[in-house]
């Protein structure tokens, strides 16, 4: 393998790490937005509600909570199937194969 091929492989590996990090960032972000929208309910929430005072949570809060639940898959996967951190091992093996080939 050439150096250019090795660089492409390492670039793809880096892109996968970034995508993995972004997938883990979604659920906490939506949970935080649900908390902020639930705490900072304004007069518009009272005006749009069918029964003012029935539930302290607005429609946006419920939406953010549902989005947080829908995006919790990567966290559940990581919690149920923990894998050891072997990014450096994979990268080193790929570089060794590229040098040998």
Protein backbone atom coordinates (compact mmCIF):
# COMPACT_ATOMS: atom_id res chain seq x y z
CA UNK A 1 0.00 0.00 0.00
CA UNK A 2 1.09 3.48 -0.67
CA UNK A 3 1.34 6.33 1.77
CA UNK A 4 -1.63 7.98 0.09
CA UNK A 5 -3.82 4.92 0.69
CA UNK A 6 -2.75 4.82 4.32
CA UNK A 7 -3.62 8.49 4.73
CA UNK A 8 -7.06 7.89 3.23
CA UNK A 9 -7.68 5.03 5.65
CA UNK A 10 -6.59 7.12 8.64
CA UNK A 11 -8.79 9.98 7.38
CA UNK A 12 -11.81 7.68 7.18
CA UNK A 13 -11.09 6.36 10.65
CA UNK A 14 -10.98 9.93 11.96
CA UNK A 15 -14.28 10.71 10.24
CA UNK A 16 -15.89 7.69 11.90
CA UNK A 17 -14.67 8.90 15.30
CA UNK A 18 -16.20 12.33 14.66
CA UNK A 19 -19.51 10.76 13.58
CA UNK A 20 -19.51 8.59 16.71
CA UNK A 21 -18.95 11.66 18.88
CA UNK A 22 -21.75 13.56 17.16
CA UNK A 23 -24.17 10.70 17.65
CA UNK A 24 -23.37 10.74 21.36
CA UNK A 25 -23.88 14.51 21.55
CA UNK A 26 -27.48 14.53 20.29
CA UNK A 27 -29.33 13.02 23.28
CA UNK A 28 -27.75 15.22 25.99
CA UNK A 29 -28.27 18.32 23.81
CA UNK A 30 -31.98 17.61 23.40
CA UNK A 31 -32.32 16.80 27.11
CA UNK A 32 -30.71 20.14 27.99
CA UNK A 33 -33.04 21.98 25.59
CA UNK A 34 -36.03 20.21 27.19
CA UNK A 35 -34.85 21.33 30.61
CA UNK A 36 -34.37 24.92 29.48
CA UNK A 37 -37.72 25.10 27.71
CA UNK A 38 -39.47 23.48 30.69
CA UNK A 39 -37.95 25.87 33.20
CA UNK A 40 -38.38 29.02 31.12
CA UNK A 41 -42.07 28.64 30.27
CA UNK A 42 -43.51 31.96 29.21
CA UNK A 43 -46.91 33.58 28.77
CA UNK A 44 -47.21 32.09 25.28
CA UNK A 45 -47.33 28.62 26.83
CA UNK A 46 -50.33 29.62 28.92
CA UNK A 47 -52.10 31.15 25.93
CA UNK A 48 -51.54 28.06 23.74
CA UNK A 49 -52.52 25.52 26.38
CA UNK A 50 -56.07 24.12 26.42
CA UNK A 51 -56.13 23.95 30.22
CA UNK A 52 -53.72 26.48 31.67
CA UNK A 53 -51.90 25.09 34.66
CA UNK A 54 -52.75 21.46 33.91
CA UNK A 55 -49.20 20.46 33.03
CA UNK A 56 -46.17 22.61 33.66
CA UNK A 57 -44.52 21.32 30.47
CA UNK A 58 -45.09 23.02 27.13
CA UNK A 59 -45.31 21.34 23.74
CA UNK A 60 -41.68 22.15 22.95
CA UNK A 61 -40.55 20.48 26.15
CA UNK A 62 -42.32 17.26 25.18
CA UNK A 63 -40.84 17.44 21.69
CA UNK A 64 -37.30 17.84 23.08
CA UNK A 65 -37.86 14.98 25.53
CA UNK A 66 -39.03 12.69 22.72
CA UNK A 67 -36.08 13.72 20.53
CA UNK A 68 -33.75 12.93 23.42
CA UNK A 69 -35.31 9.48 23.79
CA UNK A 70 -35.14 8.79 20.05
CA UNK A 71 -31.47 9.78 19.94
CA UNK A 72 -30.47 7.77 23.02
CA UNK A 73 -29.67 4.67 20.91
CA UNK A 74 -25.90 5.21 20.80
CA UNK A 75 -25.82 5.68 24.58
CA UNK A 76 -27.85 2.50 25.15
CA UNK A 77 -25.65 0.58 22.71
CA UNK A 78 -22.53 1.78 24.51
CA UNK A 79 -24.01 0.94 27.93
CA UNK A 80 -25.22 -2.54 26.95
CA UNK A 81 -22.20 -3.54 24.86
CA UNK A 82 -19.12 -1.77 26.18
CA UNK A 83 -16.13 -2.12 23.90
CA UNK A 84 -12.58 -1.41 24.92
CA UNK A 85 -10.99 1.65 23.41
CA UNK A 86 -8.87 0.21 20.67
CA UNK A 87 -8.73 3.04 18.16
CA UNK A 88 -4.97 3.25 18.48
CA UNK A 89 -4.65 -0.52 18.06
CA UNK A 90 -6.77 -0.49 14.89
CA UNK A 91 -4.81 2.44 13.48
CA UNK A 92 -1.45 0.84 14.36
CA UNK A 93 -2.50 -2.47 12.78
CA UNK A 94 -3.63 -0.70 9.62
CA UNK A 95 -0.36 1.18 9.39
CA UNK A 96 1.62 -2.04 9.97
CA UNK A 97 -0.31 -3.79 7.20
CA UNK A 98 0.22 -0.85 4.88
CA UNK A 99 3.96 -0.87 5.56
CA UNK A 100 4.20 -4.65 5.09
CA UNK A 101 2.07 -4.77 1.93
